Amino acid sequence: MKQGLYHKDLGNFPTLNVANVDVTPRYTLHAHNAAETDRYGIIELPATINLSKSTIIEIEVGAHETIEKVVARMDYDDEFDLCMAIIPDGLVVKTVWLNCKDDEHFTLDSSKYVR
């Protein structure tokens, strides 16, 4: 795997083996602040997450092919999905935001990603 940022919709996306298990994430202060100020309203942060029940939409690969960040999109309610930027080492959630379920990502900047 080449170092850089990968998006699931742009090809060459690394395969991840994710265990079907509920885990307890650690939320940063930034994540808590983002949950309180999201443009769609206050986000209730889940006490546990199961990445096998979410869609990994972005992966950041660092030196020595280590995965430094994943962005997971998971069901939140009838209108929104919850997105989380997660540092796998320690399961630290850097930030969170809501996306409309019907968001087609027309504004995705493909120049930021490995192809």
PDB file of N, CA and C in Angstrom:
ATOM      1  N   MET A   1       0.829  -1.176   0.000  1.00  0.00           N
ATOM      2  CA  MET A   1       0.000   0.000   0.000  1.00  0.00           C
ATOM      3  C   MET A   1       0.878   1.246   0.000  1.00  0.00           C
ATOM      4  N   LYS A   2       0.599   2.118  -0.911  1.00  0.00           N
ATOM      5  CA  LYS A   2       1.321   3.370  -1.018  1.00  0.00           C
ATOM      6  C   LYS A   2       0.842   4.346   0.061  1.00  0.00           C
ATOM      7  N   GLN A   3       1.758   5.128   0.612  1.00  0.00           N
ATOM      8  CA  GLN A   3       1.416   6.117   1.621  1.00  0.00           C
ATOM      9  C   GLN A   3       0.474   7.156   1.022  1.00  0.00           C
ATOM     10  N   GLY A   4      -0.542   7.562   1.780  1.00  0.00           N
ATOM     11  CA  GLY A   4      -1.464   8.585   1.322  1.00  0.00           C
ATOM     12  C   GLY A   4      -2.880   8.339   1.777  1.00  0.00           C
ATOM     13  N   LEU A   5      -3.782   9.091   1.175  1.00  0.00           N
ATOM     14  CA  LEU A   5      -5.187   9.066   1.535  1.00  0.00           C
ATOM     15  C   LEU A   5      -5.974   8.322   0.452  1.00  0.00           C
ATOM     16  N   TYR A   6      -6.855   7.407   0.868  1.00  0.00           N
ATOM     17  CA  TYR A   6      -7.651   6.598  -0.046  1.00  0.00           C
ATOM     18  C   TYR A   6      -9.137   6.824   0.233  1.00  0.00           C
ATOM     19  N   HIS A   7      -9.953   6.877  -0.824  1.00  0.00           N
ATOM     20  CA  HIS A   7     -11.403   7.012  -0.681  1.00  0.00           C
ATOM     21  C   HIS A   7     -12.073   5.836  -1.380  1.00  0.00           C
ATOM     22  N   LYS A   8     -13.100   5.300  -0.763  1.00  0.00           N
ATOM     23  CA  LYS A   8     -13.760   4.090  -1.278  1.00  0.00           C
ATOM     24  C   LYS A   8     -14.350   4.263  -2.670  1.00  0.00           C
ATOM     25  N   ASP A   9     -14.695   5.475  -3.057  1.00  0.00           N
ATOM     26  CA  ASP A   9     -15.320   5.706  -4.359  1.00  0.00           C
ATOM     27  C   ASP A   9     -14.323   5.990  -5.474  1.00  0.00           C
ATOM     28  N   LEU A  10     -13.022   6.002  -5.160  1.00  0.00           N
ATOM     29  CA  LEU A  10     -12.038   6.409  -6.159  1.00  0.00           C
ATOM     30  C   LEU A  10     -11.106   5.286  -6.593  1.00  0.00           C
ATOM     31  N   GLY A  11     -11.417   4.061  -6.281  1.00  0.00           N
ATOM     32  CA  GLY A  11     -10.602   2.927  -6.714  1.00  0.00           C
ATOM     33  C   GLY A  11      -9.348   2.754  -5.878  1.00  0.00           C
ATOM     34  N   ASN A  12      -8.706   1.594  -6.044  1.00  0.00           N
ATOM     35  CA  ASN A  12      -7.451   1.284  -5.349  1.00  0.00           C
ATOM     36  C   ASN A  12      -7.604   1.358  -3.825  1.00  0.00           C
ATOM     37  N   PHE A  13      -8.800   1.048  -3.320  1.00  0.00           N
ATOM     38  CA  PHE A  13      -9.079   1.157  -1.889  1.00  0.00           C
ATOM     39  C   PHE A  13      -8.583  -0.079  -1.160  1.00  0.00           C
ATOM     40  N   PRO A  14      -7.766   0.099  -0.112  1.00  0.00           N
ATOM     41  CA  PRO A  14      -7.241  -1.060   0.626  1.00  0.00           C
ATOM     42  C   PRO A  14      -8.362  -1.870   1.290  1.00  0.00           C
ATOM     43  N   THR A  15      -8.160  -3.150   1.386  1.00  0.00           N
ATOM     44  CA  THR A  15      -9.107  -4.028   2.067  1.00  0.00           C
ATOM     45  C   THR A  15      -8.748  -4.083   3.539  1.00  0.00           C
ATOM     46  N   LEU A  16      -9.746  -3.908   4.381  1.00  0.00           N
ATOM     47  CA  LEU A  16      -9.548  -3.990   5.825  1.00  0.00           C
ATOM     48  C   LEU A  16     -10.314  -5.178   6.374  1.00  0.00           C
ATOM     49  N   ASN A  17      -9.700  -5.883   7.295  1.00  0.00           N
ATOM     50  CA  ASN A  17     -10.386  -6.931   8.035  1.00  0.00           C
ATOM     51  C   ASN A  17     -10.821  -6.331   9.363  1.00  0.00           C
ATOM     52  N   VAL A  18     -12.129  -6.188   9.521  1.00  0.00           N
ATOM     53  CA  VAL A  18     -12.672  -5.544  10.713  1.00  0.00           C
ATOM     54  C   VAL A  18     -13.478  -6.573  11.490  1.00  0.00           C
ATOM     55  N   ALA A  19     -13.161  -6.724  12.753  1.00  0.00           N
ATOM     56  CA  ALA A  19     -13.854  -7.693  13.600  1.00  0.00           C
ATOM     57  C   ALA A  19     -15.277  -7.227  13.903  1.00  0.00           C
ATOM     58  N   ASN A  20     -16.196  -8.178  13.956  1.00  0.00           N
ATOM     59  CA  ASN A  20     -17.582  -7.893  14.305  1.00  0.00           C
ATOM     60  C   ASN A  20     -17.699  -7.891  15.826  1.00  0.00           C
ATOM     61  N   VAL A  21     -17.315  -6.764  16.408  1.00  0.00           N
ATOM     62  CA  VAL A  21     -17.304  -6.640  17.863  1.00  0.00           C
ATOM     63  C   VAL A  21     -17.603  -5.187  18.244  1.00  0.00           C
ATOM     64  N   ASP A  22     -18.350  -5.021  19.328  1.00  0.00           N
ATOM     65  CA  ASP A  22     -18.609  -3.686  19.850  1.00  0.00           C
ATOM     66  C   ASP A  22     -17.405  -3.251  20.682  1.00  0.00           C
ATOM     67  N   VAL A  23     -16.918  -2.049  20.395  1.00  0.00           N
ATOM     68  CA  VAL A  23     -15.767  -1.520  21.130  1.00  0.00           C
ATOM     69  C   VAL A  23     -16.110  -0.143  21.677  1.00  0.00           C
ATOM     70  N   THR A  24     -15.398   0.248  22.707  1.00  0.00           N
ATOM     71  CA  THR A  24     -15.612   1.547  23.337  1.00  0.00           C
ATOM     72  C   THR A  24     -14.575   2.536  22.825  1.00  0.00           C
ATOM     73  N   PRO A  25     -15.005   3.533  22.064  1.00  0.00           N
ATOM     74  CA  PRO A  25     -14.046   4.526  21.559  1.00  0.00           C
ATOM     75  C   PRO A  25     -13.713   5.559  22.629  1.00  0.00           C
ATOM     76  N   ARG A  26     -12.592   6.241  22.402  1.00  0.00           N
ATOM     77  CA  ARG A  26     -12.213   7.390  23.240  1.00  0.00           C
ATOM     78  C   ARG A  26     -12.407   8.629  22.375  1.00  0.00           C
ATOM     79  N   TYR A  27     -13.208   9.566  22.840  1.00  0.00           N
ATOM     80  CA  TYR A  27     -13.504  10.784  22.097  1.00  0.00           C
ATOM     81  C   TYR A  27     -12.591  11.917  22.534  1.00  0.00           C
ATOM     82  N   THR A  28     -11.992  12.606  21.569  1.00  0.00           N
ATOM     83  CA  THR A  28     -11.171  13.769  21.881  1.00  0.00           C
ATOM     84  C   THR A  28     -12.081  14.941  22.251  1.00  0.00           C
ATOM     85  N   LEU A  29     -11.498  15.968  22.827  1.00  0.00           N
ATOM     86  CA  LEU A  29     -12.234  17.194  23.122  1.00  0.00           C
ATOM     87  C   LEU A  29     -12.798  17.775  21.821  1.00  0.00           C
ATOM     88  N   HIS A  30     -12.006  17.701  20.757  1.00  0.00           N
ATOM     89  CA  HIS A  30     -12.473  18.206  19.463  1.00  0.00           C
ATOM     90  C   HIS A  30     -13.734  17.456  19.014  1.00  0.00           C
ATOM     91  N   ALA A  31     -13.765  16.136  19.192  1.00  0.00           N
ATOM     92  CA  ALA A  31     -14.943  15.346  18.822  1.00  0.00           C
ATOM     93  C   ALA A  31     -16.161  15.754  19.651  1.00  0.00           C
ATOM     94  N   HIS A  32     -15.958  15.956  20.944  1.00  0.00           N
ATOM     95  CA  HIS A  32     -17.063  16.397  21.801  1.00  0.00           C
ATOM     96  C   HIS A  32     -17.573  17.764  21.359  1.00  0.00           C
ATOM     97  N   ASN A  33     -16.658  18.675  21.051  1.00  0.00           N
ATOM     98  CA  ASN A  33     -17.060  20.010  20.588  1.00  0.00           C
ATOM     99  C   ASN A  33     -17.795  19.935  19.258  1.00  0.00           C
ATOM    100  N   ALA A  34     -17.311  19.093  18.353  1.00  0.00           N
ATOM    101  CA  ALA A  34     -17.965  18.928  17.051  1.00  0.00           C
ATOM    102  C   ALA A  34     -19.377  18.361  17.235  1.00  0.00           C
ATOM    103  N   ALA A  35     -19.544  17.447  18.183  1.00  0.00           N
ATOM    104  CA  ALA A  35     -20.859  16.858  18.449  1.00  0.00           C
ATOM    105  C   ALA A  35     -21.838  17.902  18.983  1.00  0.00           C
ATOM    106  N   GLU A  36     -21.331  18.874  19.692  1.00  0.00           N
ATOM    107  CA  GLU A  36     -22.182  19.931  20.259  1.00  0.00           C
ATOM    108  C   GLU A  36     -22.525  21.024  19.249  1.00  0.00           C
ATOM    109  N   THR A  37     -21.733  21.133  18.165  1.00  0.00           N
ATOM    110  CA  THR A  37     -21.895  22.264  17.247  1.00  0.00           C
ATOM    111  C   THR A  37     -22.146  21.842  15.801  1.00  0.00           C
ATOM    112  N   ASP A  38     -22.536  20.586  15.564  1.00  0.00           N
ATOM    113  CA  ASP A  38     -22.767  20.130  14.200  1.00  0.00           C
ATOM    114  C   ASP A  38     -23.878  20.946  13.553  1.00  0.00           C
ATOM    115  N   ARG A  39     -23.764  21.201  12.260  1.00  0.00           N
ATOM    116  CA  ARG A  39     -24.735  22.050  11.562  1.00  0.00           C
ATOM    117  C   ARG A  39     -26.144  21.471  11.565  1.00  0.00           C
ATOM    118  N   TYR A  40     -26.287  20.168  11.797  1.00  0.00           N
ATOM    119  CA  TYR A  40     -27.605  19.547  11.825  1.00  0.00           C
ATOM    120  C   TYR A  40     -28.160  19.382  13.237  1.00  0.00           C
ATOM    121  N   GLY A  41     -27.412  19.793  14.228  1.00  0.00           N
ATOM    122  CA  GLY A  41     -27.868  19.690  15.610  1.00  0.00           C
ATOM    123  C   GLY A  41     -26.891  18.910  16.469  1.00  0.00           C
ATOM    124  N   ILE A  42     -27.211  18.770  17.722  1.00  0.00           N
ATOM    125  CA  ILE A  42     -26.347  18.076  18.672  1.00  0.00           C
ATOM    126  C   ILE A  42     -26.331  16.580  18.353  1.00  0.00           C
ATOM    127  N   ILE A  43     -25.134  16.020  18.310  1.00  0.00           N
ATOM    128  CA  ILE A  43     -24.946  14.600  18.029  1.00  0.00           C
ATOM    129  C   ILE A  43     -24.816  13.849  19.348  1.00  0.00           C
ATOM    130  N   GLU A  44     -25.589  12.796  19.491  1.00  0.00           N
ATOM    131  CA  GLU A  44     -25.444  11.915  20.650  1.00  0.00           C
ATOM    132  C   GLU A  44     -24.362  10.890  20.304  1.00  0.00           C
ATOM    133  N   LEU A  45     -23.231  10.980  20.982  1.00  0.00           N
ATOM    134  CA  LEU A  45     -22.108  10.089  20.693  1.00  0.00           C
ATOM    135  C   LEU A  45     -22.374   8.696  21.250  1.00  0.00           C
ATOM    136  N   PRO A  46     -22.199   7.665  20.423  1.00  0.00           N
ATOM    137  CA  PRO A  46     -22.451   6.305  20.910  1.00  0.00           C
ATOM    138  C   PRO A  46     -21.389   5.853  21.918  1.00  0.00           C
ATOM    139  N   ALA A  47     -21.827   5.103  22.915  1.00  0.00           N
ATOM    140  CA  ALA A  47     -20.905   4.572  23.926  1.00  0.00           C
ATOM    141  C   ALA A  47     -20.024   3.481  23.342  1.00  0.00           C
ATOM    142  N   THR A  48     -20.564   2.742  22.360  1.00  0.00           N
ATOM    143  CA  THR A  48     -19.790   1.704  21.679  1.00  0.00           C
ATOM    144  C   THR A  48     -20.023   1.840  20.176  1.00  0.00           C
ATOM    145  N   ILE A  49     -19.067   1.326  19.402  1.00  0.00           N
ATOM    146  CA  ILE A  49     -19.220   1.275  17.952  1.00  0.00           C
ATOM    147  C   ILE A  49     -18.775  -0.102  17.463  1.00  0.00           C
ATOM    148  N   ASN A  50     -19.318  -0.494  16.326  1.00  0.00           N
ATOM    149  CA  ASN A  50     -18.935  -1.753  15.689  1.00  0.00           C
ATOM    150  C   ASN A  50     -18.592  -1.418  14.243  1.00  0.00           C
ATOM    151  N   LEU A  51     -17.312  -1.365  13.941  1.00  0.00           N
ATOM    152  CA  LEU A  51     -16.876  -0.942  12.608  1.00  0.00           C
ATOM    153  C   LEU A  51     -17.303  -1.902  11.511  1.00  0.00           C
ATOM    154  N   SER A  52     -17.584  -3.147  11.852  1.00  0.00           N
ATOM    155  CA  SER A  52     -18.044  -4.083  10.824  1.00  0.00           C
ATOM    156  C   SER A  52     -19.465  -3.750  10.372  1.00  0.00           C
ATOM    157  N   LYS A  53     -20.177  -2.955  11.146  1.00  0.00           N
ATOM    158  CA  LYS A  53     -21.530  -2.538  10.792  1.00  0.00           C
ATOM    159  C   LYS A  53     -21.558  -1.129  10.222  1.00  0.00           C
ATOM    160  N   SER A  54     -20.405  -0.622   9.859  1.00  0.00           N
ATOM    161  CA  SER A  54     -20.294   0.704   9.260  1.00  0.00           C
ATOM    162  C   SER A  54     -19.617   0.575   7.900  1.00  0.00           C
ATOM    163  N   THR A  55     -19.569   1.667   7.186  1.00  0.00           N
ATOM    164  CA  THR A  55     -18.867   1.716   5.907  1.00  0.00           C
ATOM    165  C   THR A  55     -17.604   2.539   6.097  1.00  0.00           C
ATOM    166  N   ILE A  56     -16.457   1.940   5.843  1.00  0.00           N
ATOM    167  CA  ILE A  56     -15.199   2.686   5.894  1.00  0.00           C
ATOM    168  C   ILE A  56     -15.105   3.433   4.569  1.00  0.00           C
ATOM    169  N   ILE A  57     -15.102   4.765   4.630  1.00  0.00           N
ATOM    170  CA  ILE A  57     -15.115   5.560   3.405  1.00  0.00           C
ATOM    171  C   ILE A  57     -13.763   6.167   3.075  1.00  0.00           C
ATOM    172  N   GLU A  58     -12.885   6.246   4.076  1.00  0.00           N
ATOM    173  CA  GLU A  58     -11.560   6.843   3.847  1.00  0.00           C
ATOM    174  C   GLU A  58     -10.545   6.152   4.744  1.00  0.00           C
ATOM    175  N   ILE A  59      -9.344   5.976   4.196  1.00  0.00           N
ATOM    176  CA  ILE A  59      -8.234   5.399   4.952  1.00  0.00           C
ATOM    177  C   ILE A  59      -6.999   6.236   4.677  1.00  0.00           C
ATOM    178  N   GLU A  60      -6.277   6.571   5.743  1.00  0.00           N
ATOM    179  CA  GLU A  60      -4.994   7.258   5.601  1.00  0.00           C
ATOM    180  C   GLU A  60      -3.883   6.271   5.958  1.00  0.00           C
ATOM    181  N   VAL A  61      -2.994   6.036   4.993  1.00  0.00           N
ATOM    182  CA  VAL A  61      -1.883   5.108   5.178  1.00  0.00           C
ATOM    183  C   VAL A  61      -0.616   5.924   5.375  1.00  0.00           C
ATOM    184  N   GLY A  62       0.118   5.586   6.440  1.00  0.00           N
ATOM    185  CA  GLY A  62       1.352   6.288   6.752  1.00  0.00           C
ATOM    186  C   GLY A  62       2.573   5.477   6.337  1.00  0.00           C
ATOM    187  N   ALA A  63       3.689   5.881   6.870  1.00  0.00           N
ATOM    188  CA  ALA A  63       4.941   5.186   6.599  1.00  0.00           C
ATOM    189  C   ALA A  63       4.830   3.731   7.037  1.00  0.00           C
ATOM    190  N   HIS A  64       5.553   2.867   6.363  1.00  0.00           N
ATOM    191  CA  HIS A  64       5.593   1.442   6.680  1.00  0.00           C
ATOM    192  C   HIS A  64       4.214   0.785   6.576  1.00  0.00           C
ATOM    193  N   GLU A  65       3.354   1.353   5.726  1.00  0.00           N
ATOM    194  CA  GLU A  65       2.024   0.800   5.453  1.00  0.00           C
ATOM    195  C   GLU A  65       1.136   0.691   6.697  1.00  0.00           C
ATOM    196  N   THR A  66       1.315   1.588   7.645  1.00  0.00           N
ATOM    197  CA  THR A  66       0.463   1.594   8.828  1.00  0.00           C
ATOM    198  C   THR A  66      -0.781   2.428   8.552  1.00  0.00           C
ATOM    199  N   ILE A  67      -1.898   1.981   9.051  1.00  0.00           N
ATOM    200  CA  ILE A  67      -3.141   2.734   8.902  1.00  0.00           C
ATOM    201  C   ILE A  67      -3.222   3.723  10.058  1.00  0.00           C
ATOM    202  N   GLU A  68      -3.168   4.994   9.708  1.00  0.00           N
ATOM    203  CA  GLU A  68      -3.137   6.051  10.715  1.00  0.00           C
ATOM    204  C   GLU A  68      -4.507   6.627  11.030  1.00  0.00           C
ATOM    205  N   LYS A  69      -5.443   6.526  10.061  1.00  0.00           N
ATOM    206  CA  LYS A  69      -6.784   7.067  10.279  1.00  0.00           C
ATOM    207  C   LYS A  69      -7.761   6.331   9.378  1.00  0.00           C
ATOM    208  N   VAL A  70      -8.968   6.127   9.887  1.00  0.00           N
ATOM    209  CA  VAL A  70     -10.072   5.662   9.057  1.00  0.00           C
ATOM    210  C   VAL A  70     -11.250   6.595   9.310  1.00  0.00           C
ATOM    211  N   VAL A  71     -12.034   6.791   8.274  1.00  0.00           N
ATOM    212  CA  VAL A  71     -13.289   7.517   8.434  1.00  0.00           C
ATOM    213  C   VAL A  71     -14.395   6.500   8.203  1.00  0.00           C
ATOM    214  N   ALA A  72     -15.226   6.339   9.225  1.00  0.00           N
ATOM    215  CA  ALA A  72     -16.326   5.379   9.178  1.00  0.00           C
ATOM    216  C   ALA A  72     -17.651   6.128   9.129  1.00  0.00           C
ATOM    217  N   ARG A  73     -18.560   5.610   8.314  1.00  0.00           N
ATOM    218  CA  ARG A  73     -19.903   6.173   8.209  1.00  0.00           C
ATOM    219  C   ARG A  73     -20.877   5.102   8.666  1.00  0.00           C
ATOM    220  N   MET A  74     -21.715   5.450   9.652  1.00  0.00           N
ATOM    221  CA  MET A  74     -22.628   4.469  10.232  1.00  0.00           C
ATOM    222  C   MET A  74     -24.025   5.054  10.391  1.00  0.00           C
ATOM    223  N   ASP A  75     -24.993   4.189  10.467  1.00  0.00           N
ATOM    224  CA  ASP A  75     -26.375   4.609  10.639  1.00  0.00           C
ATOM    225  C   ASP A  75     -26.521   5.410  11.931  1.00  0.00           C
ATOM    226  N   TYR A  76     -27.257   6.523  11.854  1.00  0.00           N
ATOM    227  CA  TYR A  76     -27.507   7.349  13.038  1.00  0.00           C
ATOM    228  C   TYR A  76     -29.005   7.424  13.344  1.00  0.00           C
ATOM    229  N   ASP A  77     -29.780   7.864  12.345  1.00  0.00           N
ATOM    230  CA  ASP A  77     -31.234   7.891  12.484  1.00  0.00           C
ATOM    231  C   ASP A  77     -31.844   7.800  11.084  1.00  0.00           C
ATOM    232  N   ASP A  78     -33.110   8.118  10.949  1.00  0.00           N
ATOM    233  CA  ASP A  78     -33.783   7.981   9.654  1.00  0.00           C
ATOM    234  C   ASP A  78     -33.281   8.967   8.607  1.00  0.00           C
ATOM    235  N   GLU A  79     -32.745  10.091   9.050  1.00  0.00           N
ATOM    236  CA  GLU A  79     -32.323  11.150   8.127  1.00  0.00           C
ATOM    237  C   GLU A  79     -30.814  11.230   7.923  1.00  0.00           C
ATOM    238  N   PHE A  80     -30.045  10.866   8.951  1.00  0.00           N
ATOM    239  CA  PHE A  80     -28.600  11.090   8.936  1.00  0.00           C
ATOM    240  C   PHE A  80     -27.782   9.826   9.192  1.00  0.00           C
ATOM    241  N   ASP A  81     -26.555   9.867   8.691  1.00  0.00           N
ATOM    242  CA  ASP A  81     -25.503   8.920   9.055  1.00  0.00           C
ATOM    243  C   ASP A  81     -24.490   9.672   9.895  1.00  0.00           C
ATOM    244  N   LEU A  82     -23.869   8.973  10.826  1.00  0.00           N
ATOM    245  CA  LEU A  82     -22.809   9.538  11.650  1.00  0.00           C
ATOM    246  C   LEU A  82     -21.465   9.176  11.043  1.00  0.00           C
ATOM    247  N   CYS A  83     -20.625  10.174  10.837  1.00  0.00           N
ATOM    248  CA  CYS A  83     -19.268   9.956  10.340  1.00  0.00           C
ATOM    249  C   CYS A  83     -18.286  10.231  11.468  1.00  0.00           C
ATOM    250  N   MET A  84     -17.273   9.365  11.551  1.00  0.00           N
ATOM    251  CA  MET A  84     -16.247   9.494  12.592  1.00  0.00           C
ATOM    252  C   MET A  84     -14.872   9.329  11.969  1.00  0.00           C
ATOM    253  N   ALA A  85     -13.970  10.243  12.297  1.00  0.00           N
ATOM    254  CA  ALA A  85     -12.562  10.097  11.933  1.00  0.00           C
ATOM    255  C   ALA A  85     -11.883   9.434  13.125  1.00  0.00           C
ATOM    256  N   ILE A  86     -11.332   8.241  12.893  1.00  0.00           N
ATOM    257  CA  ILE A  86     -10.838   7.408  13.992  1.00  0.00           C
ATOM    258  C   ILE A  86      -9.372   7.071  13.795  1.00  0.00           C
ATOM    259  N   ILE A  87      -8.588   7.233  14.853  1.00  0.00           N
ATOM    260  CA  ILE A  87      -7.209   6.758  14.883  1.00  0.00           C
ATOM    261  C   ILE A  87      -7.286   5.333  15.427  1.00  0.00           C
ATOM    262  N   PRO A  88      -6.950   4.333  14.601  1.00  0.00           N
ATOM    263  CA  PRO A  88      -7.108   2.937  15.044  1.00  0.00           C
ATOM    264  C   PRO A  88      -6.300   2.597  16.297  1.00  0.00           C
ATOM    265  N   ASP A  89      -5.082   3.123  16.406  1.00  0.00           N
ATOM    266  CA  ASP A  89      -4.250   2.836  17.572  1.00  0.00           C
ATOM    267  C   ASP A  89      -4.858   3.532  18.787  1.00  0.00           C
ATOM    268  N   GLY A  90      -5.531   2.794  19.629  1.00  0.00           N
ATOM    269  CA  GLY A  90      -6.185   3.351  20.802  1.00  0.00           C
ATOM    270  C   GLY A  90      -7.652   3.656  20.583  1.00  0.00           C
ATOM    271  N   LEU A  91      -8.141   3.451  19.356  1.00  0.00           N
ATOM    272  CA  LEU A  91      -9.530   3.719  19.000  1.00  0.00           C
ATOM    273  C   LEU A  91      -9.964   5.114  19.460  1.00  0.00           C
ATOM    274  N   VAL A  92      -9.207   6.111  19.004  1.00  0.00           N
ATOM    275  CA  VAL A  92      -9.461   7.508  19.363  1.00  0.00           C
ATOM    276  C   VAL A  92     -10.259   8.168  18.251  1.00  0.00           C
ATOM    277  N   VAL A  93     -11.403   8.732  18.601  1.00  0.00           N
ATOM    278  CA  VAL A  93     -12.238   9.444  17.635  1.00  0.00           C
ATOM    279  C   VAL A  93     -11.808  10.900  17.641  1.00  0.00           C
ATOM    280  N   LYS A  94     -11.237  11.340  16.500  1.00  0.00           N
ATOM    281  CA  LYS A  94     -10.733  12.713  16.372  1.00  0.00           C
ATOM    282  C   LYS A  94     -11.855  13.730  16.213  1.00  0.00           C
ATOM    283  N   THR A  95     -12.836  13.389  15.372  1.00  0.00           N
ATOM    284  CA  THR A  95     -13.957  14.298  15.143  1.00  0.00           C
ATOM    285  C   THR A  95     -15.148  13.516  14.628  1.00  0.00           C
ATOM    286  N   VAL A  96     -16.303  14.156  14.653  1.00  0.00           N
ATOM    287  CA  VAL A  96     -17.552  13.544  14.202  1.00  0.00           C
ATOM    288  C   VAL A  96     -18.367  14.577  13.433  1.00  0.00           C
ATOM    289  N   TRP A  97     -19.241  14.086  12.557  1.00  0.00           N
ATOM    290  CA  TRP A  97     -20.191  14.957  11.873  1.00  0.00           C
ATOM    291  C   TRP A  97     -21.321  14.106  11.323  1.00  0.00           C
ATOM    292  N   LEU A  98     -22.427  14.760  11.032  1.00  0.00           N
ATOM    293  CA  LEU A  98     -23.563  14.083  10.424  1.00  0.00           C
ATOM    294  C   LEU A  98     -23.581  14.364   8.928  1.00  0.00           C
ATOM    295  N   ASN A  99     -23.975  13.358   8.146  1.00  0.00           N
ATOM    296  CA  ASN A  99     -24.194  13.488   6.707  1.00  0.00           C
ATOM    297  C   ASN A  99     -25.614  13.040   6.421  1.00  0.00           C
ATOM    298  N   CYS A 100     -26.288  13.739   5.538  1.00  0.00           N
ATOM    299  CA  CYS A 100     -27.610  13.302   5.087  1.00  0.00           C
ATOM    300  C   CYS A 100     -27.465  11.952   4.397  1.00  0.00           C
ATOM    301  N   LYS A 101     -28.401  11.069   4.628  1.00  0.00           N
ATOM    302  CA  LYS A 101     -28.337   9.730   4.031  1.00  0.00           C
ATOM    303  C   LYS A 101     -28.287   9.784   2.510  1.00  0.00           C
ATOM    304  N   ASP A 102     -28.904  10.806   1.906  1.00  0.00           N
ATOM    305  CA  ASP A 102     -28.943  10.902   0.448  1.00  0.00           C
ATOM    306  C   ASP A 102     -27.806  11.751  -0.138  1.00  0.00           C
ATOM    307  N   ASP A 103     -26.809  12.105   0.670  1.00  0.00           N
ATOM    308  CA  ASP A 103     -25.672  12.903   0.199  1.00  0.00           C
ATOM    309  C   ASP A 103     -24.893  12.115  -0.852  1.00  0.00           C
ATOM    310  N   GLU A 104     -24.730  12.692  -2.037  1.00  0.00           N
ATOM    311  CA  GLU A 104     -24.043  12.028  -3.154  1.00  0.00           C
ATOM    312  C   GLU A 104     -22.575  12.447  -3.283  1.00  0.00           C
ATOM    313  N   HIS A 105     -22.081  13.305  -2.425  1.00  0.00           N
ATOM    314  CA  HIS A 105     -20.680  13.740  -2.389  1.00  0.00           C
ATOM    315  C   HIS A 105     -20.213  14.359  -3.700  1.00  0.00           C
ATOM    316  N   PHE A 106     -21.026  15.203  -4.282  1.00  0.00           N
ATOM    317  CA  PHE A 106     -20.647  15.870  -5.529  1.00  0.00           C
ATOM    318  C   PHE A 106     -19.450  16.801  -5.336  1.00  0.00           C
ATOM    319  N   THR A 107     -19.166  17.195  -4.099  1.00  0.00           N
ATOM    320  CA  THR A 107     -18.065  18.119  -3.831  1.00  0.00           C
ATOM    321  C   THR A 107     -16.768  17.412  -3.447  1.00  0.00           C
ATOM    322  N   LEU A 108     -16.705  16.096  -3.555  1.00  0.00           N
ATOM    323  CA  LEU A 108     -15.506  15.329  -3.199  1.00  0.00           C
ATOM    324  C   LEU A 108     -14.319  15.783  -4.043  1.00  0.00           C
ATOM    325  N   ASP A 109     -13.240  16.197  -3.388  1.00  0.00           N
ATOM    326  CA  ASP A 109     -12.029  16.649  -4.073  1.00  0.00           C
ATOM    327  C   ASP A 109     -11.120  15.445  -4.302  1.00  0.00           C
ATOM    328  N   SER A 110     -11.206  14.857  -5.477  1.00  0.00           N
ATOM    329  CA  SER A 110     -10.453  13.633  -5.772  1.00  0.00           C
ATOM    330  C   SER A 110      -8.953  13.861  -5.834  1.00  0.00           C
ATOM    331  N   SER A 111      -8.509  15.109  -5.949  1.00  0.00           N
ATOM    332  CA  SER A 111      -7.074  15.381  -6.039  1.00  0.00           C
ATOM    333  C   SER A 111      -6.329  15.075  -4.739  1.00  0.00           C
ATOM    334  N   LYS A 112      -7.043  14.944  -3.636  1.00  0.00           N
ATOM    335  CA  LYS A 112      -6.422  14.673  -2.336  1.00  0.00           C
ATOM    336  C   LYS A 112      -6.097  13.189  -2.132  1.00  0.00           C
ATOM    337  N   TYR A 113      -6.580  12.337  -3.047  1.00  0.00           N
ATOM    338  CA  TYR A 113      -6.531  10.898  -2.810  1.00  0.00           C
ATOM    339  C   TYR A 113      -5.586  10.162  -3.764  1.00  0.00           C
ATOM    340  N   VAL A 114      -5.052   9.060  -3.253  1.00  0.00           N
ATOM    341  CA  VAL A 114      -4.226   8.160  -4.048  1.00  0.00           C
ATOM    342  C   VAL A 114      -5.149   7.482  -5.059  1.00  0.00           C
ATOM    343  N   ARG A 115      -4.668   7.326  -6.279  1.00  0.00           N
ATOM    344  CA  ARG A 115      -5.454   6.654  -7.335  1.00  0.00           C
ATOM    345  C   ARG A 115      -4.763   5.395  -7.751  1.00  0.00           C
TER     346      ARG A 115
END
